[in-house]
């Protein structure tokens, strides 16, 4: 399994717009991509402008395909001006 985590810092004046777009992006990824297995949207309990994503894909190729989908490209273009920072990391899930 291929895991991606992303931490966003969002401009406070754009937080509501960002969250609506982010939730739609998660739903689109889960319903339109058979190899997107999990897409959790989390928000920091103390800093509402800090948003954390936890995504699981069947493999690296599935994630690479995700990055080319129209819904991702539209989302990414839309939220860039609302974002203070974005840190994305890639992981390998260790099965126990």
PDB file of N, CA and C in Angstrom:
ATOM      1  N   UNK A   1       0.838  -1.176   0.000  1.00  0.00           N
ATOM      2  CA  UNK A   1       0.000   0.000   0.000  1.00  0.00           C
ATOM      3  C   UNK A   1       0.887   1.245   0.000  1.00  0.00           C
ATOM      4  N   UNK A   2       0.409   2.259  -0.674  1.00  0.00           N
ATOM      5  CA  UNK A   2       1.131   3.520  -0.804  1.00  0.00           C
ATOM      6  C   UNK A   2       0.350   4.594  -0.051  1.00  0.00           C
ATOM      7  N   UNK A   3       1.002   5.246   0.901  1.00  0.00           N
ATOM      8  CA  UNK A   3       0.350   6.222   1.768  1.00  0.00           C
ATOM      9  C   UNK A   3       0.906   7.607   1.486  1.00  0.00           C
ATOM     10  N   UNK A   4       0.016   8.577   1.461  1.00  0.00           N
ATOM     11  CA  UNK A   4       0.400   9.979   1.288  1.00  0.00           C
ATOM     12  C   UNK A   4      -0.204  10.763   2.450  1.00  0.00           C
ATOM     13  N   UNK A   5       0.617  11.610   3.061  1.00  0.00           N
ATOM     14  CA  UNK A   5       0.107  12.554   4.047  1.00  0.00           C
ATOM     15  C   UNK A   5       0.409  13.956   3.541  1.00  0.00           C
ATOM     16  N   UNK A   6      -0.515  14.843   3.778  1.00  0.00           N
ATOM     17  CA  UNK A   6      -0.349  16.236   3.357  1.00  0.00           C
ATOM     18  C   UNK A   6      -0.805  17.127   4.505  1.00  0.00           C
ATOM     19  N   UNK A   7       0.013  18.110   4.835  1.00  0.00           N
ATOM     20  CA  UNK A   7      -0.361  19.091   5.851  1.00  0.00           C
ATOM     21  C   UNK A   7      -0.436  20.451   5.177  1.00  0.00           C
ATOM     22  N   UNK A   8      -1.592  21.068   5.284  1.00  0.00           N
ATOM     23  CA  UNK A   8      -1.833  22.400   4.736  1.00  0.00           C
ATOM     24  C   UNK A   8      -1.937  23.413   5.864  1.00  0.00           C
ATOM     25  N   UNK A   9      -1.444  24.601   5.629  1.00  0.00           N
ATOM     26  CA  UNK A   9      -1.764  25.772   6.447  1.00  0.00           C
ATOM     27  C   UNK A   9      -2.591  26.674   5.532  1.00  0.00           C
ATOM     28  N   UNK A  10      -3.816  26.962   5.934  1.00  0.00           N
ATOM     29  CA  UNK A  10      -4.767  27.678   5.095  1.00  0.00           C
ATOM     30  C   UNK A  10      -4.927  29.113   5.587  1.00  0.00           C
ATOM     31  N   UNK A  11      -5.060  30.039   4.658  1.00  0.00           N
ATOM     32  CA  UNK A  11      -5.342  31.427   5.021  1.00  0.00           C
ATOM     33  C   UNK A  11      -6.716  31.471   5.693  1.00  0.00           C
ATOM     34  N   UNK A  12      -6.792  32.128   6.838  1.00  0.00           N
ATOM     35  CA  UNK A  12      -8.033  32.089   7.632  1.00  0.00           C
ATOM     36  C   UNK A  12      -9.243  32.594   6.853  1.00  0.00           C
ATOM     37  N   UNK A  13      -9.040  33.595   5.995  1.00  0.00           N
ATOM     38  CA  UNK A  13     -10.169  34.141   5.240  1.00  0.00           C
ATOM     39  C   UNK A  13     -10.691  33.179   4.170  1.00  0.00           C
ATOM     40  N   UNK A  14      -9.930  32.116   3.881  1.00  0.00           N
ATOM     41  CA  UNK A  14     -10.342  31.146   2.865  1.00  0.00           C
ATOM     42  C   UNK A  14     -10.658  29.770   3.441  1.00  0.00           C
ATOM     43  N   UNK A  15     -10.710  29.668   4.754  1.00  0.00           N
ATOM     44  CA  UNK A  15     -10.856  28.355   5.382  1.00  0.00           C
ATOM     45  C   UNK A  15     -12.155  27.651   4.991  1.00  0.00           C
ATOM     46  N   UNK A  16     -13.275  28.334   5.021  1.00  0.00           N
ATOM     47  CA  UNK A  16     -14.549  27.689   4.681  1.00  0.00           C
ATOM     48  C   UNK A  16     -14.556  27.201   3.237  1.00  0.00           C
ATOM     49  N   UNK A  17     -14.063  28.036   2.315  1.00  0.00           N
ATOM     50  CA  UNK A  17     -13.992  27.633   0.902  1.00  0.00           C
ATOM     51  C   UNK A  17     -13.072  26.428   0.726  1.00  0.00           C
ATOM     52  N   UNK A  18     -11.922  26.480   1.403  1.00  0.00           N
ATOM     53  CA  UNK A  18     -10.964  25.386   1.293  1.00  0.00           C
ATOM     54  C   UNK A  18     -11.573  24.081   1.797  1.00  0.00           C
ATOM     55  N   UNK A  19     -12.211  24.125   2.966  1.00  0.00           N
ATOM     56  CA  UNK A  19     -12.763  22.896   3.536  1.00  0.00           C
ATOM     57  C   UNK A  19     -13.844  22.300   2.631  1.00  0.00           C
ATOM     58  N   UNK A  20     -14.672  23.126   2.044  1.00  0.00           N
ATOM     59  CA  UNK A  20     -15.699  22.617   1.120  1.00  0.00           C
ATOM     60  C   UNK A  20     -15.043  21.942  -0.082  1.00  0.00           C
ATOM     61  N   UNK A  21     -14.027  22.583  -0.641  1.00  0.00           N
ATOM     62  CA  UNK A  21     -13.322  22.007  -1.787  1.00  0.00           C
ATOM     63  C   UNK A  21     -12.576  20.735  -1.394  1.00  0.00           C
ATOM     64  N   UNK A  22     -12.012  20.726  -0.192  1.00  0.00           N
ATOM     65  CA  UNK A  22     -11.244  19.568   0.273  1.00  0.00           C
ATOM     66  C   UNK A  22     -12.135  18.365   0.490  1.00  0.00           C
ATOM     67  N   UNK A  23     -13.289  18.570   1.081  1.00  0.00           N
ATOM     68  CA  UNK A  23     -14.224  17.459   1.307  1.00  0.00           C
ATOM     69  C   UNK A  23     -14.719  16.906  -0.028  1.00  0.00           C
ATOM     70  N   UNK A  24     -15.006  17.784  -0.969  1.00  0.00           N
ATOM     71  CA  UNK A  24     -15.416  17.322  -2.302  1.00  0.00           C
ATOM     72  C   UNK A  24     -14.287  16.536  -2.971  1.00  0.00           C
ATOM     73  N   UNK A  25     -13.070  17.011  -2.826  1.00  0.00           N
ATOM     74  CA  UNK A  25     -11.917  16.307  -3.402  1.00  0.00           C
ATOM     75  C   UNK A  25     -11.787  14.902  -2.814  1.00  0.00           C
ATOM     76  N   UNK A  26     -11.950  14.774  -1.519  1.00  0.00           N
ATOM     77  CA  UNK A  26     -11.870  13.457  -0.883  1.00  0.00           C
ATOM     78  C   UNK A  26     -12.971  12.541  -1.416  1.00  0.00           C
ATOM     79  N   UNK A  27     -14.194  13.059  -1.498  1.00  0.00           N
ATOM     80  CA  UNK A  27     -15.310  12.254  -2.015  1.00  0.00           C
ATOM     81  C   UNK A  27     -15.064  11.836  -3.459  1.00  0.00           C
ATOM     82  N   UNK A  28     -14.604  12.769  -4.287  1.00  0.00           N
ATOM     83  CA  UNK A  28     -14.326  12.447  -5.689  1.00  0.00           C
ATOM     84  C   UNK A  28     -13.244  11.380  -5.805  1.00  0.00           C
ATOM     85  N   UNK A  29     -12.206  11.499  -5.015  1.00  0.00           N
ATOM     86  CA  UNK A  29     -11.117  10.521  -5.075  1.00  0.00           C
ATOM     87  C   UNK A  29     -11.620   9.133  -4.691  1.00  0.00           C
ATOM     88  N   UNK A  30     -12.403   9.054  -3.643  1.00  0.00           N
ATOM     89  CA  UNK A  30     -12.904   7.753  -3.182  1.00  0.00           C
ATOM     90  C   UNK A  30     -13.915   7.132  -4.133  1.00  0.00           C
ATOM     91  N   UNK A  31     -14.736   7.949  -4.776  1.00  0.00           N
ATOM     92  CA  UNK A  31     -15.782   7.390  -5.640  1.00  0.00           C
ATOM     93  C   UNK A  31     -15.350   7.210  -7.090  1.00  0.00           C
ATOM     94  N   UNK A  32     -14.378   7.990  -7.536  1.00  0.00           N
ATOM     95  CA  UNK A  32     -13.985   7.937  -8.944  1.00  0.00           C
ATOM     96  C   UNK A  32     -12.701   7.150  -9.206  1.00  0.00           C
ATOM     97  N   UNK A  33     -11.967   6.833  -8.148  1.00  0.00           N
ATOM     98  CA  UNK A  33     -10.689   6.135  -8.314  1.00  0.00           C
ATOM     99  C   UNK A  33     -10.737   4.825  -7.537  1.00  0.00           C
ATOM    100  N   UNK A  34     -10.807   3.712  -8.266  1.00  0.00           N
ATOM    101  CA  UNK A  34     -10.955   2.419  -7.592  1.00  0.00           C
ATOM    102  C   UNK A  34      -9.756   2.078  -6.721  1.00  0.00           C
ATOM    103  N   UNK A  35      -8.592   2.639  -7.013  1.00  0.00           N
ATOM    104  CA  UNK A  35      -7.396   2.323  -6.237  1.00  0.00           C
ATOM    105  C   UNK A  35      -7.072   3.356  -5.162  1.00  0.00           C
ATOM    106  N   UNK A  36      -7.987   4.303  -4.944  1.00  0.00           N
ATOM    107  CA  UNK A  36      -7.901   5.190  -3.776  1.00  0.00           C
ATOM    108  C   UNK A  36      -8.709   4.504  -2.687  1.00  0.00           C
ATOM    109  N   UNK A  37      -8.018   3.979  -1.695  1.00  0.00           N
ATOM    110  CA  UNK A  37      -8.652   3.131  -0.687  1.00  0.00           C
ATOM    111  C   UNK A  37      -9.083   3.886   0.561  1.00  0.00           C
ATOM    112  N   UNK A  38      -8.447   5.012   0.820  1.00  0.00           N
ATOM    113  CA  UNK A  38      -8.793   5.814   1.996  1.00  0.00           C
ATOM    114  C   UNK A  38      -8.379   7.251   1.731  1.00  0.00           C
ATOM    115  N   UNK A  39      -9.192   8.189   2.193  1.00  0.00           N
ATOM    116  CA  UNK A  39      -8.879   9.611   2.029  1.00  0.00           C
ATOM    117  C   UNK A  39      -9.526  10.345   3.199  1.00  0.00           C
ATOM    118  N   UNK A  40      -8.761  10.528   4.253  1.00  0.00           N
ATOM    119  CA  UNK A  40      -9.264  11.183   5.462  1.00  0.00           C
ATOM    120  C   UNK A  40      -8.835  12.646   5.486  1.00  0.00           C
ATOM    121  N   UNK A  41      -9.765  13.512   5.823  1.00  0.00           N
ATOM    122  CA  UNK A  41      -9.507  14.943   5.987  1.00  0.00           C
ATOM    123  C   UNK A  41      -9.613  15.239   7.478  1.00  0.00           C
ATOM    124  N   UNK A  42      -8.528  15.763   8.051  1.00  0.00           N
ATOM    125  CA  UNK A  42      -8.479  16.042   9.488  1.00  0.00           C
ATOM    126  C   UNK A  42      -8.102  17.504   9.699  1.00  0.00           C
ATOM    127  N   UNK A  43      -8.596  18.045  10.804  1.00  0.00           N
ATOM    128  CA  UNK A  43      -8.258  19.434  11.125  1.00  0.00           C
ATOM    129  C   UNK A  43      -7.687  19.480  12.534  1.00  0.00           C
ATOM    130  N   UNK A  44      -6.664  20.270  12.726  1.00  0.00           N
ATOM    131  CA  UNK A  44      -6.033  20.455  14.026  1.00  0.00           C
ATOM    132  C   UNK A  44      -7.074  20.981  15.015  1.00  0.00           C
ATOM    133  N   UNK A  45      -7.132  20.405  16.186  1.00  0.00           N
ATOM    134  CA  UNK A  45      -8.138  20.793  17.185  1.00  0.00           C
ATOM    135  C   UNK A  45      -7.905  22.204  17.709  1.00  0.00           C
ATOM    136  N   UNK A  46      -6.659  22.670  17.712  1.00  0.00           N
ATOM    137  CA  UNK A  46      -6.350  23.984  18.270  1.00  0.00           C
ATOM    138  C   UNK A  46      -6.092  25.047  17.211  1.00  0.00           C
ATOM    139  N   UNK A  47      -5.696  24.630  16.030  1.00  0.00           N
ATOM    140  CA  UNK A  47      -5.408  25.565  14.936  1.00  0.00           C
ATOM    141  C   UNK A  47      -6.253  25.155  13.734  1.00  0.00           C
ATOM    142  N   UNK A  48      -7.412  25.749  13.602  1.00  0.00           N
ATOM    143  CA  UNK A  48      -8.372  25.349  12.564  1.00  0.00           C
ATOM    144  C   UNK A  48      -7.835  25.531  11.139  1.00  0.00           C
ATOM    145  N   UNK A  49      -6.833  26.365  10.980  1.00  0.00           N
ATOM    146  CA  UNK A  49      -6.272  26.599   9.654  1.00  0.00           C
ATOM    147  C   UNK A  49      -5.264  25.523   9.240  1.00  0.00           C
ATOM    148  N   UNK A  50      -4.988  24.586  10.141  1.00  0.00           N
ATOM    149  CA  UNK A  50      -4.052  23.495   9.839  1.00  0.00           C
ATOM    150  C   UNK A  50      -4.867  22.248   9.504  1.00  0.00           C
ATOM    151  N   UNK A  51      -4.711  21.756   8.266  1.00  0.00           N
ATOM    152  CA  UNK A  51      -5.492  20.626   7.759  1.00  0.00           C
ATOM    153  C   UNK A  51      -4.533  19.507   7.367  1.00  0.00           C
ATOM    154  N   UNK A  52      -4.888  18.290   7.760  1.00  0.00           N
ATOM    155  CA  UNK A  52      -4.041  17.119   7.531  1.00  0.00           C
ATOM    156  C   UNK A  52      -4.816  16.087   6.723  1.00  0.00           C
ATOM    157  N   UNK A  53      -4.193  15.565   5.683  1.00  0.00           N
ATOM    158  CA  UNK A  53      -4.793  14.503   4.866  1.00  0.00           C
ATOM    159  C   UNK A  53      -4.034  13.203   5.077  1.00  0.00           C
ATOM    160  N   UNK A  54      -4.783  12.097   5.099  1.00  0.00           N
ATOM    161  CA  UNK A  54      -4.201  10.765   5.153  1.00  0.00           C
ATOM    162  C   UNK A  54      -4.859   9.966   4.037  1.00  0.00           C
ATOM    163  N   UNK A  55      -4.055   9.612   3.035  1.00  0.00           N
ATOM    164  CA  UNK A  55      -4.576   8.942   1.851  1.00  0.00           C
ATOM    165  C   UNK A  55      -3.862   7.607   1.657  1.00  0.00           C
ATOM    166  N   UNK A  56      -4.614   6.586   1.270  1.00  0.00           N
ATOM    167  CA  UNK A  56      -4.020   5.286   0.957  1.00  0.00           C
ATOM    168  C   UNK A  56      -4.428   4.896  -0.459  1.00  0.00           C
ATOM    169  N   UNK A  57      -3.438   4.489  -1.240  1.00  0.00           N
ATOM    170  CA  UNK A  57      -3.630   4.010  -2.614  1.00  0.00           C
ATOM    171  C   UNK A  57      -3.077   2.590  -2.704  1.00  0.00           C
ATOM    172  N   UNK A  58      -3.564   1.834  -3.651  1.00  0.00           N
ATOM    173  CA  UNK A  58      -3.122   0.443  -3.781  1.00  0.00           C
ATOM    174  C   UNK A  58      -1.626   0.355  -4.085  1.00  0.00           C
ATOM    175  N   UNK A  59      -1.113   1.335  -4.829  1.00  0.00           N
ATOM    176  CA  UNK A  59       0.321   1.359  -5.138  1.00  0.00           C
ATOM    177  C   UNK A  59       0.704   2.745  -5.658  1.00  0.00           C
ATOM    178  N   UNK A  60       1.976   2.918  -5.954  1.00  0.00           N
ATOM    179  CA  UNK A  60       2.479   4.213  -6.416  1.00  0.00           C
ATOM    180  C   UNK A  60       1.821   4.617  -7.737  1.00  0.00           C
ATOM    181  N   UNK A  61       1.607   3.667  -8.614  1.00  0.00           N
ATOM    182  CA  UNK A  61       0.979   3.968  -9.905  1.00  0.00           C
ATOM    183  C   UNK A  61      -0.425   4.549  -9.709  1.00  0.00           C
ATOM    184  N   UNK A  62      -1.162   4.054  -8.727  1.00  0.00           N
ATOM    185  CA  UNK A  62      -2.507   4.574  -8.446  1.00  0.00           C
ATOM    186  C   UNK A  62      -2.436   6.019  -7.982  1.00  0.00           C
ATOM    187  N   UNK A  63      -1.437   6.337  -7.156  1.00  0.00           N
ATOM    188  CA  UNK A  63      -1.275   7.717  -6.709  1.00  0.00           C
ATOM    189  C   UNK A  63      -0.871   8.620  -7.874  1.00  0.00           C
ATOM    190  N   UNK A  64       0.044   8.142  -8.717  1.00  0.00           N
ATOM    191  CA  UNK A  64       0.446   8.925  -9.889  1.00  0.00           C
ATOM    192  C   UNK A  64      -0.758   9.192 -10.797  1.00  0.00           C
ATOM    193  N   UNK A  65      -1.633   8.197 -10.950  1.00  0.00           N
ATOM    194  CA  UNK A  65      -2.856   8.380 -11.746  1.00  0.00           C
ATOM    195  C   UNK A  65      -3.769   9.409 -11.081  1.00  0.00           C
ATOM    196  N   UNK A  66      -3.859   9.376  -9.755  1.00  0.00           N
ATOM    197  CA  UNK A  66      -4.659  10.350  -9.000  1.00  0.00           C
ATOM    198  C   UNK A  66      -4.227  11.777  -9.341  1.00  0.00           C
ATOM    199  N   UNK A  67      -2.929  11.992  -9.424  1.00  0.00           N
ATOM    200  CA  UNK A  67      -2.396  13.338  -9.695  1.00  0.00           C
ATOM    201  C   UNK A  67      -2.756  13.860 -11.082  1.00  0.00           C
ATOM    202  N   UNK A  68      -3.216  12.984 -11.955  1.00  0.00           N
ATOM    203  CA  UNK A  68      -3.574  13.374 -13.324  1.00  0.00           C
ATOM    204  C   UNK A  68      -5.078  13.473 -13.547  1.00  0.00           C
ATOM    205  N   UNK A  69      -5.876  13.163 -12.538  1.00  0.00           N
ATOM    206  CA  UNK A  69      -7.329  13.196 -12.711  1.00  0.00           C
ATOM    207  C   UNK A  69      -7.821  14.635 -12.834  1.00  0.00           C
ATOM    208  N   UNK A  70      -8.862  14.858 -13.604  1.00  0.00           N
ATOM    209  CA  UNK A  70      -9.413  16.212 -13.724  1.00  0.00           C
ATOM    210  C   UNK A  70      -9.842  16.797 -12.378  1.00  0.00           C
ATOM    211  N   UNK A  71     -10.435  15.969 -11.507  1.00  0.00           N
ATOM    212  CA  UNK A  71     -10.885  16.512 -10.216  1.00  0.00           C
ATOM    213  C   UNK A  71      -9.701  16.946  -9.348  1.00  0.00           C
ATOM    214  N   UNK A  72      -8.571  16.221  -9.380  1.00  0.00           N
ATOM    215  CA  UNK A  72      -7.402  16.666  -8.619  1.00  0.00           C
ATOM    216  C   UNK A  72      -6.813  17.930  -9.225  1.00  0.00           C
ATOM    217  N   UNK A  73      -6.643  17.963 -10.532  1.00  0.00           N
ATOM    218  CA  UNK A  73      -6.041  19.134 -11.178  1.00  0.00           C
ATOM    219  C   UNK A  73      -6.866  20.390 -10.924  1.00  0.00           C
ATOM    220  N   UNK A  74      -8.189  20.263 -10.975  1.00  0.00           N
ATOM    221  CA  UNK A  74      -9.064  21.398 -10.694  1.00  0.00           C
ATOM    222  C   UNK A  74      -8.945  21.830  -9.234  1.00  0.00           C
ATOM    223  N   UNK A  75      -8.975  20.865  -8.325  1.00  0.00           N
ATOM    224  CA  UNK A  75      -8.832  21.166  -6.899  1.00  0.00           C
ATOM    225  C   UNK A  75      -7.507  21.878  -6.624  1.00  0.00           C
ATOM    226  N   UNK A  76      -6.437  21.320  -7.131  1.00  0.00           N
ATOM    227  CA  UNK A  76      -5.101  21.875  -6.871  1.00  0.00           C
ATOM    228  C   UNK A  76      -5.004  23.321  -7.352  1.00  0.00           C
ATOM    229  N   UNK A  77      -5.493  23.574  -8.557  1.00  0.00           N
ATOM    230  CA  UNK A  77      -5.467  24.939  -9.113  1.00  0.00           C
ATOM    231  C   UNK A  77      -6.316  25.894  -8.275  1.00  0.00           C
ATOM    232  N   UNK A  78      -7.443  25.410  -7.797  1.00  0.00           N
ATOM    233  CA  UNK A  78      -8.372  26.247  -7.032  1.00  0.00           C
ATOM    234  C   UNK A  78      -7.803  26.651  -5.682  1.00  0.00           C
ATOM    235  N   UNK A  79      -7.164  25.715  -4.968  1.00  0.00           N
ATOM    236  CA  UNK A  79      -6.775  25.996  -3.585  1.00  0.00           C
ATOM    237  C   UNK A  79      -5.408  26.645  -3.416  1.00  0.00           C
ATOM    238  N   UNK A  80      -4.601  26.683  -4.452  1.00  0.00           N
ATOM    239  CA  UNK A  80      -3.259  27.285  -4.316  1.00  0.00           C
ATOM    240  C   UNK A  80      -3.317  28.699  -3.731  1.00  0.00           C
ATOM    241  N   UNK A  81      -4.187  29.591  -4.194  1.00  0.00           N
ATOM    242  CA  UNK A  81      -4.193  30.939  -3.615  1.00  0.00           C
ATOM    243  C   UNK A  81      -4.700  30.999  -2.171  1.00  0.00           C
ATOM    244  N   UNK A  82      -5.355  29.951  -1.709  1.00  0.00           N
ATOM    245  CA  UNK A  82      -5.897  29.923  -0.353  1.00  0.00           C
ATOM    246  C   UNK A  82      -4.903  29.331   0.654  1.00  0.00           C
ATOM    247  N   UNK A  83      -3.770  28.844   0.164  1.00  0.00           N
ATOM    248  CA  UNK A  83      -2.845  28.059   0.964  1.00  0.00           C
ATOM    249  C   UNK A  83      -1.604  28.857   1.357  1.00  0.00           C
ATOM    250  N   UNK A  84      -1.291  28.842   2.659  1.00  0.00           N
ATOM    251  CA  UNK A  84      -0.043  29.439   3.151  1.00  0.00           C
ATOM    252  C   UNK A  84       1.130  28.496   2.916  1.00  0.00           C
ATOM    253  N   UNK A  85       0.914  27.210   3.185  1.00  0.00           N
ATOM    254  CA  UNK A  85       1.967  26.213   2.975  1.00  0.00           C
ATOM    255  C   UNK A  85       1.338  24.841   2.773  1.00  0.00           C
ATOM    256  N   UNK A  86       2.132  23.954   2.163  1.00  0.00           N
ATOM    257  CA  UNK A  86       1.683  22.585   1.892  1.00  0.00           C
ATOM    258  C   UNK A  86       2.907  21.681   1.970  1.00  0.00           C
ATOM    259  N   UNK A  87       2.823  20.654   2.813  1.00  0.00           N
ATOM    260  CA  UNK A  87       3.909  19.679   2.932  1.00  0.00           C
ATOM    261  C   UNK A  87       3.322  18.305   2.653  1.00  0.00           C
ATOM    262  N   UNK A  88       3.801  17.660   1.589  1.00  0.00           N
ATOM    263  CA  UNK A  88       3.333  16.324   1.221  1.00  0.00           C
ATOM    264  C   UNK A  88       4.462  15.328   1.446  1.00  0.00           C
ATOM    265  N   UNK A  89       4.083  14.190   2.027  1.00  0.00           N
ATOM    266  CA  UNK A  89       5.053  13.129   2.268  1.00  0.00           C
ATOM    267  C   UNK A  89       4.478  11.807   1.789  1.00  0.00           C
ATOM    268  N   UNK A  90       5.366  10.892   1.399  1.00  0.00           N
ATOM    269  CA  UNK A  90       4.948   9.602   0.887  1.00  0.00           C
ATOM    270  C   UNK A  90       5.495   8.512   1.799  1.00  0.00           C
ATOM    271  N   UNK A  91       4.671   7.483   2.029  1.00  0.00           N
ATOM    272  CA  UNK A  91       4.986   6.430   2.970  1.00  0.00           C
ATOM    273  C   UNK A  91       4.627   5.072   2.379  1.00  0.00           C
ATOM    274  N   UNK A  92       5.196   4.043   2.955  1.00  0.00           N
ATOM    275  CA  UNK A  92       4.820   2.670   2.627  1.00  0.00           C
ATOM    276  C   UNK A  92       4.160   2.068   3.857  1.00  0.00           C
ATOM    277  N   UNK A  93       2.949   1.572   3.700  1.00  0.00           N
ATOM    278  CA  UNK A  93       2.226   0.974   4.814  1.00  0.00           C
ATOM    279  C   UNK A  93       2.852  -0.375   5.152  1.00  0.00           C
ATOM    280  N   UNK A  94       3.196  -0.557   6.404  1.00  0.00           N
ATOM    281  CA  UNK A  94       3.757  -1.817   6.882  1.00  0.00           C
ATOM    282  C   UNK A  94       2.614  -2.647   7.452  1.00  0.00           C
ATOM    283  N   UNK A  95       2.322  -3.737   6.804  1.00  0.00           N
ATOM    284  CA  UNK A  95       1.229  -4.613   7.242  1.00  0.00           C
ATOM    285  C   UNK A  95       1.688  -5.396   8.467  1.00  0.00           C
ATOM    286  N   UNK A  96       0.805  -5.498   9.442  1.00  0.00           N
ATOM    287  CA  UNK A  96       1.173  -6.276  10.652  1.00  0.00           C
ATOM    288  C   UNK A  96       0.310  -7.508  10.779  1.00  0.00           C
TER     289      UNK A  96
END
